[in-house]
PDB file of N, CA and C in Angstrom:
ATOM      1  N   UNK A   1       0.416  -1.371  -0.109  1.00  0.00           N
ATOM      2  CA  UNK A   1       0.273  -0.087   0.175  1.00  0.00           C
ATOM      3  C   UNK A   1       1.154   1.354   0.079  1.00  0.00           C
ATOM      4  N   UNK A   2       2.206   1.238   0.779  1.00  0.00           N
ATOM      5  CA  UNK A   2       2.818   2.386   0.786  1.00  0.00           C
ATOM      6  C   UNK A   2       3.888   2.551  -0.771  1.00  0.00           C
ATOM      7  N   UNK A   3       3.588   1.642  -1.655  1.00  0.00           N
ATOM      8  CA  UNK A   3       4.375   1.756  -2.393  1.00  0.00           C
ATOM      9  C   UNK A   3       3.690   2.894  -3.604  1.00  0.00           C
ATOM     10  N   UNK A   4       2.321   3.067  -3.913  1.00  0.00           N
ATOM     11  CA  UNK A   4       1.607   4.066  -4.630  1.00  0.00           C
ATOM     12  C   UNK A   4       1.118   4.911  -3.695  1.00  0.00           C
ATOM     13  N   UNK A   5       1.130   6.389  -4.584  1.00  0.00           N
ATOM     14  CA  UNK A   5       0.370   7.401  -4.373  1.00  0.00           C
ATOM     15  C   UNK A   5      -1.009   7.204  -3.148  1.00  0.00           C
ATOM     16  N   UNK A   6      -1.517   7.707  -2.516  1.00  0.00           N
ATOM     17  CA  UNK A   6      -2.942   8.249  -2.355  1.00  0.00           C
ATOM     18  C   UNK A   6      -4.152   8.512  -3.709  1.00  0.00           C
ATOM     19  N   UNK A   7      -3.252   9.156  -4.346  1.00  0.00           N
ATOM     20  CA  UNK A   7      -4.408   9.341  -4.899  1.00  0.00           C
ATOM     21  C   UNK A   7      -4.627   8.475  -6.473  1.00  0.00           C
ATOM     22  N   UNK A   8      -3.759   7.509  -6.843  1.00  0.00           N
ATOM     23  CA  UNK A   8      -3.410   6.321  -7.291  1.00  0.00           C
ATOM     24  C   UNK A   8      -4.210   5.231  -6.832  1.00  0.00           C
ATOM     25  N   UNK A   9      -4.475   5.271  -5.570  1.00  0.00           N
ATOM     26  CA  UNK A   9      -5.223   4.180  -5.063  1.00  0.00           C
ATOM     27  C   UNK A   9      -7.181   4.551  -4.717  1.00  0.00           C
ATOM     28  N   UNK A  10      -7.037   5.926  -4.618  1.00  0.00           N
ATOM     29  CA  UNK A  10      -7.855   6.218  -5.026  1.00  0.00           C
ATOM     30  C   UNK A  10      -9.081   6.366  -6.196  1.00  0.00           C
ATOM     31  N   UNK A  11      -7.941   6.354  -7.560  1.00  0.00           N
ATOM     32  CA  UNK A  11      -8.559   6.329  -8.361  1.00  0.00           C
ATOM     33  C   UNK A  11      -8.829   4.775  -8.679  1.00  0.00           C
ATOM     34  N   UNK A  12      -7.898   3.759  -8.558  1.00  0.00           N
ATOM     35  CA  UNK A  12      -8.222   2.148  -8.794  1.00  0.00           C
ATOM     36  C   UNK A  12      -9.886   2.097  -7.764  1.00  0.00           C
ATOM     37  N   UNK A  13      -9.808   2.742  -6.502  1.00  0.00           N
ATOM     38  CA  UNK A  13     -11.239   2.503  -5.788  1.00  0.00           C
ATOM     39  C   UNK A  13     -12.361   2.782  -6.575  1.00  0.00           C
ATOM     40  N   UNK A  14     -12.459   3.585  -7.352  1.00  0.00           N
ATOM     41  CA  UNK A  14     -13.284   4.827  -7.888  1.00  0.00           C
ATOM     42  C   UNK A  14     -13.917   4.026  -8.646  1.00  0.00           C
ATOM     43  N   UNK A  15     -12.425   3.289 -10.129  1.00  0.00           N
ATOM     44  CA  UNK A  15     -12.391   2.795 -11.034  1.00  0.00           C
ATOM     45  C   UNK A  15     -13.035   1.689 -10.821  1.00  0.00           C
ATOM     46  N   UNK A  16     -13.280   0.744 -10.112  1.00  0.00           N
ATOM     47  CA  UNK A  16     -13.941  -0.581 -10.060  1.00  0.00           C
ATOM     48  C   UNK A  16     -14.621  -0.222  -9.286  1.00  0.00           C
ATOM     49  N   UNK A  17     -15.092   0.523  -7.965  1.00  0.00           N
ATOM     50  CA  UNK A  17     -16.521   0.517  -7.541  1.00  0.00           C
ATOM     51  C   UNK A  17     -17.701   1.117  -8.199  1.00  0.00           C
ATOM     52  N   UNK A  18     -17.085   2.331  -9.112  1.00  0.00           N
ATOM     53  CA  UNK A  18     -18.294   3.418  -9.572  1.00  0.00           C
ATOM     54  C   UNK A  18     -19.338   2.252 -10.729  1.00  0.00           C
ATOM     55  N   UNK A  19     -18.604   1.201 -11.472  1.00  0.00           N
ATOM     56  CA  UNK A  19     -19.502   0.984 -12.490  1.00  0.00           C
ATOM     57  C   UNK A  19     -20.048  -0.290 -11.901  1.00  0.00           C
ATOM     58  N   UNK A  20     -19.386  -0.780 -10.946  1.00  0.00           N
ATOM     59  CA  UNK A  20     -20.163  -2.457 -10.047  1.00  0.00           C
ATOM     60  C   UNK A  20     -21.339  -1.377  -9.520  1.00  0.00           C
ATOM     61  N   UNK A  21     -21.398  -0.070  -8.779  1.00  0.00           N
ATOM     62  CA  UNK A  21     -22.487   0.697  -7.906  1.00  0.00           C
ATOM     63  C   UNK A  21     -23.536   0.696  -9.040  1.00  0.00           C
ATOM     64  N   UNK A  22     -22.703   0.911  -9.660  1.00  0.00           N
ATOM     65  CA  UNK A  22     -24.036   1.763 -11.187  1.00  0.00           C
ATOM     66  C   UNK A  22     -24.714   0.641 -11.666  1.00  0.00           C
ATOM     67  N   UNK A  23     -23.978  -0.593 -11.771  1.00  0.00           N
ATOM     68  CA  UNK A  23     -25.092  -1.948 -12.111  1.00  0.00           C
ATOM     69  C   UNK A  23     -25.845  -2.244 -11.196  1.00  0.00           C
ATOM     70  N   UNK A  24     -25.730  -2.093 -10.144  1.00  0.00           N
ATOM     71  CA  UNK A  24     -26.764  -2.582  -8.790  1.00  0.00           C
ATOM     72  C   UNK A  24     -27.637  -1.996  -8.802  1.00  0.00           C
ATOM     73  N   UNK A  25     -27.624  -0.366  -8.748  1.00  0.00           N
ATOM     74  CA  UNK A  25     -28.300   0.479  -8.182  1.00  0.00           C
ATOM     75  C   UNK A  25     -29.352   0.648  -8.197  1.00  0.00           C
ATOM     76  N   UNK A  26     -30.119   0.150 -10.021  1.00  0.00           N
ATOM     77  CA  UNK A  26     -31.162  -0.039 -10.117  1.00  0.00           C
ATOM     78  C   UNK A  26     -32.177  -1.269  -9.159  1.00  0.00           C
ATOM     79  N   UNK A  27     -31.559  -2.223  -8.283  1.00  0.00           N
ATOM     80  CA  UNK A  27     -31.990  -2.844  -7.915  1.00  0.00           C
ATOM     81  C   UNK A  27     -32.792  -2.429  -6.628  1.00  0.00           C
ATOM     82  N   UNK A  28     -32.359  -0.896  -6.093  1.00  0.00           N
ATOM     83  CA  UNK A  28     -33.062  -0.590  -4.712  1.00  0.00           C
ATOM     84  C   UNK A  28     -34.094   0.518  -5.277  1.00  0.00           C
ATOM     85  N   UNK A  29     -33.905   0.869  -6.069  1.00  0.00           N
ATOM     86  CA  UNK A  29     -35.661   1.739  -6.816  1.00  0.00           C
ATOM     87  C   UNK A  29     -34.797   2.198  -8.043  1.00  0.00           C
ATOM     88  N   UNK A  30     -35.552   3.369  -8.288  1.00  0.00           N
ATOM     89  CA  UNK A  30     -35.091   4.038  -9.810  1.00  0.00           C
ATOM     90  C   UNK A  30     -34.298   4.668  -9.377  1.00  0.00           C
ATOM     91  N   UNK A  31     -33.065   4.936 -10.553  1.00  0.00           N
ATOM     92  CA  UNK A  31     -32.031   5.949 -10.643  1.00  0.00           C
ATOM     93  C   UNK A  31     -31.923   7.443 -10.184  1.00  0.00           C
ATOM     94  N   UNK A  32     -32.950   7.988 -11.110  1.00  0.00           N
ATOM     95  CA  UNK A  32     -32.684   9.282 -10.704  1.00  0.00           C
ATOM     96  C   UNK A  32     -34.518   9.537 -10.364  1.00  0.00           C
ATOM     97  N   UNK A  33     -34.707  10.127  -8.920  1.00  0.00           N
ATOM     98  CA  UNK A  33     -36.172  10.183  -8.993  1.00  0.00           C
ATOM     99  C   UNK A  33     -36.654  11.682  -8.910  1.00  0.00           C
ATOM    100  N   UNK A  34     -35.916  12.513  -8.070  1.00  0.00           N
ATOM    101  CA  UNK A  34     -36.917  14.120  -8.312  1.00  0.00           C
ATOM    102  C   UNK A  34     -35.271  14.949  -8.224  1.00  0.00           C
ATOM    103  N   UNK A  35     -34.360  15.002  -9.510  1.00  0.00           N
ATOM    104  CA  UNK A  35     -33.703  15.542  -9.326  1.00  0.00           C
ATOM    105  C   UNK A  35     -33.219  17.233  -9.274  1.00  0.00           C
ATOM    106  N   UNK A  36     -33.189  18.032  -8.322  1.00  0.00           N
ATOM    107  CA  UNK A  36     -33.090  19.537  -8.373  1.00  0.00           C
ATOM    108  C   UNK A  36     -31.531  19.828  -8.120  1.00  0.00           C
ATOM    109  N   UNK A  37     -31.519  21.308  -8.805  1.00  0.00           N
ATOM    110  CA  UNK A  37     -29.882  21.432  -8.878  1.00  0.00           C
ATOM    111  C   UNK A  37     -28.666  21.767  -7.171  1.00  0.00           C
ATOM    112  N   UNK A  38     -29.749  21.899  -6.238  1.00  0.00           N
ATOM    113  CA  UNK A  38     -29.057  21.218  -5.007  1.00  0.00           C
ATOM    114  C   UNK A  38     -28.744  19.944  -5.032  1.00  0.00           C
ATOM    115  N   UNK A  39     -29.416  19.171  -5.560  1.00  0.00           N
ATOM    116  CA  UNK A  39     -28.688  17.950  -5.240  1.00  0.00           C
ATOM    117  C   UNK A  39     -27.532  17.562  -6.221  1.00  0.00           C
ATOM    118  N   UNK A  40     -27.285  18.357  -7.879  1.00  0.00           N
ATOM    119  CA  UNK A  40     -25.934  18.600  -8.084  1.00  0.00           C
ATOM    120  C   UNK A  40     -24.576  19.269  -7.167  1.00  0.00           C
ATOM    121  N   UNK A  41     -25.548  20.042  -6.746  1.00  0.00           N
ATOM    122  CA  UNK A  41     -24.558  20.636  -6.118  1.00  0.00           C
ATOM    123  C   UNK A  41     -24.153  20.216  -5.173  1.00  0.00           C
ATOM    124  N   UNK A  42     -24.298  19.094  -3.711  1.00  0.00           N
ATOM    125  CA  UNK A  42     -24.174  18.268  -2.829  1.00  0.00           C
ATOM    126  C   UNK A  42     -23.464  17.451  -3.076  1.00  0.00           C
ATOM    127  N   UNK A  43     -23.920  16.300  -4.574  1.00  0.00           N
ATOM    128  CA  UNK A  43     -22.936  15.754  -5.204  1.00  0.00           C
ATOM    129  C   UNK A  43     -22.094  16.186  -6.076  1.00  0.00           C
ATOM    130  N   UNK A  44     -21.726  17.267  -6.168  1.00  0.00           N
ATOM    131  CA  UNK A  44     -20.125  17.979  -6.442  1.00  0.00           C
ATOM    132  C   UNK A  44     -19.352  17.842  -5.422  1.00  0.00           C
ATOM    133  N   UNK A  45     -19.940  18.405  -4.306  1.00  0.00           N
ATOM    134  CA  UNK A  45     -19.374  18.411  -2.886  1.00  0.00           C
ATOM    135  C   UNK A  45     -19.032  17.255  -2.191  1.00  0.00           C
ATOM    136  N   UNK A  46     -19.832  16.343  -2.381  1.00  0.00           N
ATOM    137  CA  UNK A  46     -19.455  15.165  -1.809  1.00  0.00           C
ATOM    138  C   UNK A  46     -18.554  14.173  -2.760  1.00  0.00           C
ATOM    139  N   UNK A  47     -18.336  14.514  -4.117  1.00  0.00           N
ATOM    140  CA  UNK A  47     -16.989  14.061  -4.977  1.00  0.00           C
ATOM    141  C   UNK A  47     -16.287  14.750  -4.628  1.00  0.00           C
ATOM    142  N   UNK A  48     -15.930  16.322  -4.824  1.00  0.00           N
ATOM    143  CA  UNK A  48     -14.675  16.687  -4.259  1.00  0.00           C
ATOM    144  C   UNK A  48     -14.407  17.039  -3.212  1.00  0.00           C
ATOM    145  N   UNK A  49     -15.305  17.323  -1.813  1.00  0.00           N
ATOM    146  CA  UNK A  49     -14.444  17.508  -0.304  1.00  0.00           C
ATOM    147  C   UNK A  49     -14.115  16.233   0.196  1.00  0.00           C
ATOM    148  N   UNK A  50     -15.551  15.571   0.318  1.00  0.00           N
ATOM    149  CA  UNK A  50     -15.469  14.137   0.858  1.00  0.00           C
ATOM    150  C   UNK A  50     -14.786  12.839   0.169  1.00  0.00           C
ATOM    151  N   UNK A  51     -14.788  12.676  -1.029  1.00  0.00           N
ATOM    152  CA  UNK A  51     -14.207  11.611  -1.517  1.00  0.00           C
ATOM    153  C   UNK A  51     -12.801  11.927  -1.661  1.00  0.00           C
ATOM    154  N   UNK A  52     -12.433  12.947  -2.764  1.00  0.00           N
ATOM    155  CA  UNK A  52     -10.716  13.382  -3.020  1.00  0.00           C
ATOM    156  C   UNK A  52     -10.619  14.079  -2.002  1.00  0.00           C
ATOM    157  N   UNK A  53     -11.057  14.810  -1.169  1.00  0.00           N
ATOM    158  CA  UNK A  53      -9.879  15.542   0.062  1.00  0.00           C
ATOM    159  C   UNK A  53     -10.119  14.591   0.937  1.00  0.00           C
ATOM    160  N   UNK A  54     -11.174  14.285   1.731  1.00  0.00           N
ATOM    161  CA  UNK A  54     -11.443  13.082   2.654  1.00  0.00           C
ATOM    162  C   UNK A  54     -10.241  11.629   2.097  1.00  0.00           C
ATOM    163  N   UNK A  55     -10.970  11.232   1.595  1.00  0.00           N
ATOM    164  CA  UNK A  55      -9.967   9.839   1.260  1.00  0.00           C
ATOM    165  C   UNK A  55      -8.787  10.007   0.798  1.00  0.00           C
ATOM    166  N   UNK A  56      -7.915  10.836   0.101  1.00  0.00           N
ATOM    167  CA  UNK A  56      -6.672  10.658  -0.196  1.00  0.00           C
ATOM    168  C   UNK A  56      -6.640  11.425   1.261  1.00  0.00           C
ATOM    169  N   UNK A  57      -6.719  12.425   1.884  1.00  0.00           N
ATOM    170  CA  UNK A  57      -5.768  12.768   3.483  1.00  0.00           C
ATOM    171  C   UNK A  57      -6.148  10.976   4.105  1.00  0.00           C
ATOM    172  N   UNK A  58      -7.293  10.359   4.430  1.00  0.00           N
ATOM    173  CA  UNK A  58      -6.960   9.055   4.433  1.00  0.00           C
ATOM    174  C   UNK A  58      -5.759   8.058   4.333  1.00  0.00           C
ATOM    175  N   UNK A  59      -6.223   7.715   2.951  1.00  0.00           N
ATOM    176  CA  UNK A  59      -4.931   7.104   2.757  1.00  0.00           C
ATOM    177  C   UNK A  59      -3.338   7.822   2.860  1.00  0.00           C
ATOM    178  N   UNK A  60      -3.451   9.154   2.903  1.00  0.00           N
ATOM    179  CA  UNK A  60      -1.841   9.683   3.065  1.00  0.00           C
ATOM    180  C   UNK A  60      -1.571   9.556   4.503  1.00  0.00           C
ATOM    181  N   UNK A  61      -2.585   9.226   5.152  1.00  0.00           N
ATOM    182  CA  UNK A  61      -2.353   8.689   6.963  1.00  0.00           C
ATOM    183  C   UNK A  61      -1.832   7.827   7.043  1.00  0.00           C
ATOM    184  N   UNK A  62      -2.668   6.668   6.399  1.00  0.00           N
ATOM    185  CA  UNK A  62      -2.522   5.192   6.734  1.00  0.00           C
ATOM    186  C   UNK A  62      -0.797   4.803   5.947  1.00  0.00           C
ATOM    187  N   UNK A  63      -0.589   5.688   5.312  1.00  0.00           N
ATOM    188  CA  UNK A  63       0.838   5.354   4.581  1.00  0.00           C
ATOM    189  C   UNK A  63       1.938   5.907   5.586  1.00  0.00           C
ATOM    190  N   UNK A  64       1.807   7.044   6.276  1.00  0.00           N
ATOM    191  CA  UNK A  64       2.599   8.007   7.066  1.00  0.00           C
ATOM    192  C   UNK A  64       2.636   6.894   8.408  1.00  0.00           C
ATOM    193  N   UNK A  65       1.773   6.339   8.746  1.00  0.00           N
ATOM    194  CA  UNK A  65       1.473   6.082  10.342  1.00  0.00           C
ATOM    195  C   UNK A  65       0.829   4.765  10.474  1.00  0.00           C
ATOM    196  N   UNK A  66       1.554   4.344  11.394  1.00  0.00           N
ATOM    197  CA  UNK A  66       0.634   2.692  11.627  1.00  0.00           C
ATOM    198  C   UNK A  66      -0.871   2.837  11.688  1.00  0.00           C
ATOM    199  N   UNK A  67      -1.309   1.533  10.861  1.00  0.00           N
ATOM    200  CA  UNK A  67      -2.950   1.450  10.792  1.00  0.00           C
ATOM    201  C   UNK A  67      -3.562   1.736  11.867  1.00  0.00           C
ATOM    202  N   UNK A  68      -2.700   1.045  12.899  1.00  0.00           N
ATOM    203  CA  UNK A  68      -3.986   1.142  14.268  1.00  0.00           C
ATOM    204  C   UNK A  68      -4.113   2.373  14.825  1.00  0.00           C
ATOM    205  N   UNK A  69      -3.094   2.885  14.589  1.00  0.00           N
ATOM    206  CA  UNK A  69      -3.453   4.436  15.037  1.00  0.00           C
ATOM    207  C   UNK A  69      -4.301   5.443  14.443  1.00  0.00           C
ATOM    208  N   UNK A  70      -3.832   4.863  12.912  1.00  0.00           N
ATOM    209  CA  UNK A  70      -5.609   5.898  12.278  1.00  0.00           C
ATOM    210  C   UNK A  70      -6.767   4.917  12.265  1.00  0.00           C
ATOM    211  N   UNK A  71      -6.785   4.394  12.342  1.00  0.00           N
ATOM    212  CA  UNK A  71      -7.739   3.707  12.696  1.00  0.00           C
ATOM    213  C   UNK A  71      -8.711   3.705  13.610  1.00  0.00           C
ATOM    214  N   UNK A  72      -8.002   4.271  14.703  1.00  0.00           N
ATOM    215  CA  UNK A  72      -9.038   4.338  16.240  1.00  0.00           C
ATOM    216  C   UNK A  72      -9.690   5.447  15.460  1.00  0.00           C
ATOM    217  N   UNK A  73      -9.174   6.631  14.676  1.00  0.00           N
ATOM    218  CA  UNK A  73      -9.119   7.869  15.286  1.00  0.00           C
ATOM    219  C   UNK A  73     -10.805   7.827  13.892  1.00  0.00           C
ATOM    220  N   UNK A  74     -11.499   6.711  13.338  1.00  0.00           N
ATOM    221  CA  UNK A  74     -12.067   6.337  12.070  1.00  0.00           C
ATOM    222  C   UNK A  74     -13.529   6.687  13.138  1.00  0.00           C
ATOM    223  N   UNK A  75     -13.547   6.490  14.663  1.00  0.00           N
ATOM    224  CA  UNK A  75     -14.653   6.420  15.977  1.00  0.00           C
ATOM    225  C   UNK A  75     -14.639   8.137  15.970  1.00  0.00           C
ATOM    226  N   UNK A  76     -14.068   9.023  15.321  1.00  0.00           N
ATOM    227  CA  UNK A  76     -14.627   9.663  15.558  1.00  0.00           C
ATOM    228  C   UNK A  76     -15.455  10.737  14.606  1.00  0.00           C
ATOM    229  N   UNK A  77     -15.889  10.181  13.853  1.00  0.00           N
ATOM    230  CA  UNK A  77     -16.926  10.149  12.981  1.00  0.00           C
ATOM    231  C   UNK A  77     -18.046  10.137  13.473  1.00  0.00           C
ATOM    232  N   UNK A  78     -18.575   9.470  14.390  1.00  0.00           N
ATOM    233  CA  UNK A  78     -19.956   9.815  14.790  1.00  0.00           C
ATOM    234  C   UNK A  78     -20.088  11.306  15.753  1.00  0.00           C
ATOM    235  N   UNK A  79     -18.704  10.867  16.567  1.00  0.00           N
ATOM    236  CA  UNK A  79     -18.556  12.719  16.960  1.00  0.00           C
ATOM    237  C   UNK A  79     -18.516  13.846  16.144  1.00  0.00           C
ATOM    238  N   UNK A  80     -18.335  13.716  15.447  1.00  0.00           N
ATOM    239  CA  UNK A  80     -18.118  14.465  14.133  1.00  0.00           C
ATOM    240  C   UNK A  80     -19.415  15.334  13.979  1.00  0.00           C
ATOM    241  N   UNK A  81     -20.305  13.933  13.450  1.00  0.00           N
ATOM    242  CA  UNK A  81     -21.865  13.788  12.876  1.00  0.00           C
ATOM    243  C   UNK A  81     -22.576  14.626  13.840  1.00  0.00           C
ATOM    244  N   UNK A  82     -22.150  14.441  15.040  1.00  0.00           N
ATOM    245  CA  UNK A  82     -23.160  14.892  15.780  1.00  0.00           C
ATOM    246  C   UNK A  82     -22.959  16.001  16.360  1.00  0.00           C
ATOM    247  N   UNK A  83     -21.880  16.816  16.121  1.00  0.00           N
ATOM    248  CA  UNK A  83     -21.104  18.344  16.001  1.00  0.00           C
ATOM    249  C   UNK A  83     -22.067  19.214  14.871  1.00  0.00           C
ATOM    250  N   UNK A  84     -21.842  18.568  14.056  1.00  0.00           N
ATOM    251  CA  UNK A  84     -22.376  18.844  12.440  1.00  0.00           C
ATOM    252  C   UNK A  84     -24.269  18.944  12.469  1.00  0.00           C
ATOM    253  N   UNK A  85     -24.582  18.030  13.073  1.00  0.00           N
ATOM    254  CA  UNK A  85     -25.724  17.963  13.351  1.00  0.00           C
ATOM    255  C   UNK A  85     -26.114  19.279  13.989  1.00  0.00           C
ATOM    256  N   UNK A  86     -25.707  19.054  15.123  1.00  0.00           N
ATOM    257  CA  UNK A  86     -26.037  19.989  16.125  1.00  0.00           C
ATOM    258  C   UNK A  86     -25.942  21.956  15.592  1.00  0.00           C
ATOM    259  N   UNK A  87     -24.637  22.094  14.655  1.00  0.00           N
ATOM    260  CA  UNK A  87     -24.596  23.178  14.025  1.00  0.00           C
ATOM    261  C   UNK A  87     -25.065  23.371  13.219  1.00  0.00           C
ATOM    262  N   UNK A  88     -25.273  22.742  12.319  1.00  0.00           N
ATOM    263  CA  UNK A  88     -25.492  23.118  10.800  1.00  0.00           C
ATOM    264  C   UNK A  88     -27.319  23.033  10.648  1.00  0.00           C
ATOM    265  N   UNK A  89     -27.780  21.726  11.593  1.00  0.00           N
ATOM    266  CA  UNK A  89     -29.372  21.437  11.811  1.00  0.00           C
ATOM    267  C   UNK A  89     -30.063  21.644  12.770  1.00  0.00           C
ATOM    268  N   UNK A  90     -28.867  21.762  13.420  1.00  0.00           N
ATOM    269  CA  UNK A  90     -29.744  22.586  15.015  1.00  0.00           C
ATOM    270  C   UNK A  90     -30.602  21.698  15.619  1.00  0.00           C
ATOM    271  N   UNK A  91     -30.069  20.340  15.714  1.00  0.00           N
ATOM    272  CA  UNK A  91     -30.785  18.936  16.160  1.00  0.00           C
ATOM    273  C   UNK A  91     -30.365  19.188  17.735  1.00  0.00           C
ATOM    274  N   UNK A  92     -30.914  18.695  18.490  1.00  0.00           N
ATOM    275  CA  UNK A  92     -31.050  18.267  19.915  1.00  0.00           C
ATOM    276  C   UNK A  92     -30.093  17.218  20.339  1.00  0.00           C
ATOM    277  N   UNK A  93     -29.234  17.300  21.336  1.00  0.00           N
ATOM    278  CA  UNK A  93     -28.648  16.565  21.961  1.00  0.00           C
ATOM    279  C   UNK A  93     -29.149  16.047  23.389  1.00  0.00           C
ATOM    280  N   UNK A  94     -29.181  15.172  23.461  1.00  0.00           N
ATOM    281  CA  UNK A  94     -29.495  14.331  24.880  1.00  0.00           C
ATOM    282  C   UNK A  94     -28.511  13.909  25.915  1.00  0.00           C
ATOM    283  N   UNK A  95     -28.903  14.199  26.927  1.00  0.00           N
ATOM    284  CA  UNK A  95     -28.328  13.320  27.896  1.00  0.00           C
ATOM    285  C   UNK A  95     -27.375  11.959  27.593  1.00  0.00           C
ATOM    286  N   UNK A  96     -28.331  11.114  26.913  1.00  0.00           N
ATOM    287  CA  UNK A  96     -27.826   9.597  26.345  1.00  0.00           C
ATOM    288  C   UNK A  96     -26.637   9.924  24.894  1.00  0.00           C
ATOM    289  N   UNK A  97     -27.128  10.649  24.450  1.00  0.00           N
ATOM    290  CA  UNK A  97     -26.378  10.834  23.255  1.00  0.00           C
ATOM    291  C   UNK A  97     -25.353  11.506  23.844  1.00  0.00           C
ATOM    292  N   UNK A  98     -25.144  12.487  24.519  1.00  0.00           N
ATOM    293  CA  UNK A  98     -23.835  12.593  25.124  1.00  0.00           C
ATOM    294  C   UNK A  98     -22.624  11.829  25.672  1.00  0.00           C
ATOM    295  N   UNK A  99     -23.288  11.095  26.662  1.00  0.00           N
ATOM    296  CA  UNK A  99     -22.676  10.155  27.129  1.00  0.00           C
ATOM    297  C   UNK A  99     -22.203   9.353  26.409  1.00  0.00           C
ATOM    298  N   UNK A 100     -22.874   8.646  25.544  1.00  0.00           N
ATOM    299  CA  UNK A 100     -22.598   7.818  24.546  1.00  0.00           C
ATOM    300  C   UNK A 100     -21.413   8.750  23.576  1.00  0.00           C
ATOM    301  N   UNK A 101     -20.993   9.928  23.521  1.00  0.00           N
ATOM    302  CA  UNK A 101     -20.023  10.570  22.702  1.00  0.00           C
ATOM    303  C   UNK A 101     -18.830  10.631  23.768  1.00  0.00           C
ATOM    304  N   UNK A 102     -19.187  10.670  24.771  1.00  0.00           N
ATOM    305  CA  UNK A 102     -18.546  10.685  25.365  1.00  0.00           C
ATOM    306  C   UNK A 102     -17.599   9.319  25.756  1.00  0.00           C
ATOM    307  N   UNK A 103     -18.379   8.178  26.028  1.00  0.00           N
ATOM    308  CA  UNK A 103     -17.607   7.150  26.166  1.00  0.00           C
ATOM    309  C   UNK A 103     -16.731   6.493  24.488  1.00  0.00           C
ATOM    310  N   UNK A 104     -17.445   7.077  23.608  1.00  0.00           N
ATOM    311  CA  UNK A 104     -16.361   6.941  22.286  1.00  0.00           C
ATOM    312  C   UNK A 104     -15.266   7.793  22.497  1.00  0.00           C
ATOM    313  N   UNK A 105     -14.943   8.990  22.879  1.00  0.00           N
ATOM    314  CA  UNK A 105     -13.844  10.240  23.280  1.00  0.00           C
ATOM    315  C   UNK A 105     -13.018   9.151  24.175  1.00  0.00           C
ATOM    316  N   UNK A 106     -13.671   8.342  24.983  1.00  0.00           N
ATOM    317  CA  UNK A 106     -12.655   7.886  25.967  1.00  0.00           C
ATOM    318  C   UNK A 106     -11.901   6.453  25.391  1.00  0.00           C
ATOM    319  N   UNK A 107     -12.938   6.258  24.479  1.00  0.00           N
ATOM    320  CA  UNK A 107     -12.014   4.582  23.924  1.00  0.00           C
ATOM    321  C   UNK A 107     -11.050   5.466  23.116  1.00  0.00           C
ATOM    322  N   UNK A 108     -11.438   5.896  22.583  1.00  0.00           N
ATOM    323  CA  UNK A 108     -10.304   6.841  21.784  1.00  0.00           C
ATOM    324  C   UNK A 108      -8.633   7.292  22.299  1.00  0.00           C
ATOM    325  N   UNK A 109      -9.324   7.588  23.415  1.00  0.00           N
ATOM    326  CA  UNK A 109      -8.223   7.846  24.349  1.00  0.00           C
ATOM    327  C   UNK A 109      -7.154   6.404  24.911  1.00  0.00           C
ATOM    328  N   UNK A 110      -8.163   5.555  25.624  1.00  0.00           N
ATOM    329  CA  UNK A 110      -7.641   4.674  25.663  1.00  0.00           C
ATOM    330  C   UNK A 110      -6.500   3.932  24.697  1.00  0.00           C
ATOM    331  N   UNK A 111      -7.124   3.599  23.317  1.00  0.00           N
ATOM    332  CA  UNK A 111      -6.673   3.372  22.561  1.00  0.00           C
ATOM    333  C   UNK A 111      -5.063   3.847  22.148  1.00  0.00           C
ATOM    334  N   UNK A 112      -5.667   5.162  22.237  1.00  0.00           N
ATOM    335  CA  UNK A 112      -3.697   5.888  21.648  1.00  0.00           C
ATOM    336  C   UNK A 112      -3.133   6.059  22.889  1.00  0.00           C
ATOM    337  N   UNK A 113      -3.208   5.555  23.927  1.00  0.00           N
ATOM    338  CA  UNK A 113      -2.168   6.091  25.239  1.00  0.00           C
ATOM    339  C   UNK A 113      -1.116   4.810  25.130  1.00  0.00           C
ATOM    340  N   UNK A 114      -0.416   5.320  25.386  1.00  0.00           N
ATOM    341  CA  UNK A 114       1.120   5.204  25.037  1.00  0.00           C
ATOM    342  C   UNK A 114       1.319   3.686  26.256  1.00  0.00           C
ATOM    343  N   UNK A 115       1.860   2.693  25.509  1.00  0.00           N
ATOM    344  CA  UNK A 115       2.009   1.000  26.032  1.00  0.00           C
ATOM    345  C   UNK A 115       2.532   1.779  27.561  1.00  0.00           C
ATOM    346  N   UNK A 116       2.376   0.646  28.852  1.00  0.00           N
ATOM    347  CA  UNK A 116       3.360   1.052  29.958  1.00  0.00           C
ATOM    348  C   UNK A 116       4.389  -0.216  29.563  1.00  0.00           C
ATOM    349  N   UNK A 117       5.916   0.364  30.388  1.00  0.00           N
ATOM    350  CA  UNK A 117       6.848  -0.576  30.211  1.00  0.00           C
ATOM    351  C   UNK A 117       7.007  -1.554  31.154  1.00  0.00           C
TER     352      UNK A 117
END
């Protein structure tokens, strides 16, 4: 994995998965339902920022740092989703959700703490 750059890795992932997903997608309903300009704008955002930026950054991190260290940070995804949901969509946070988020954060800290001698 370290021999190829993250851009080339992402290229091959998309090259293989895109045709497969396009062939399978009609099994789950109509391919295009109610296409609006806002949908195209979010599709461009998803493709450029999330896929290109996020995956390339993730693959670069995996090539630089040990995978066990980087993989533990994938558990930040629900924490970021809660934060963005609260900030962008004004979603309420209950004590149960905050407690669950705290447990996830504690787990990340425990996984990444230095080993005892």
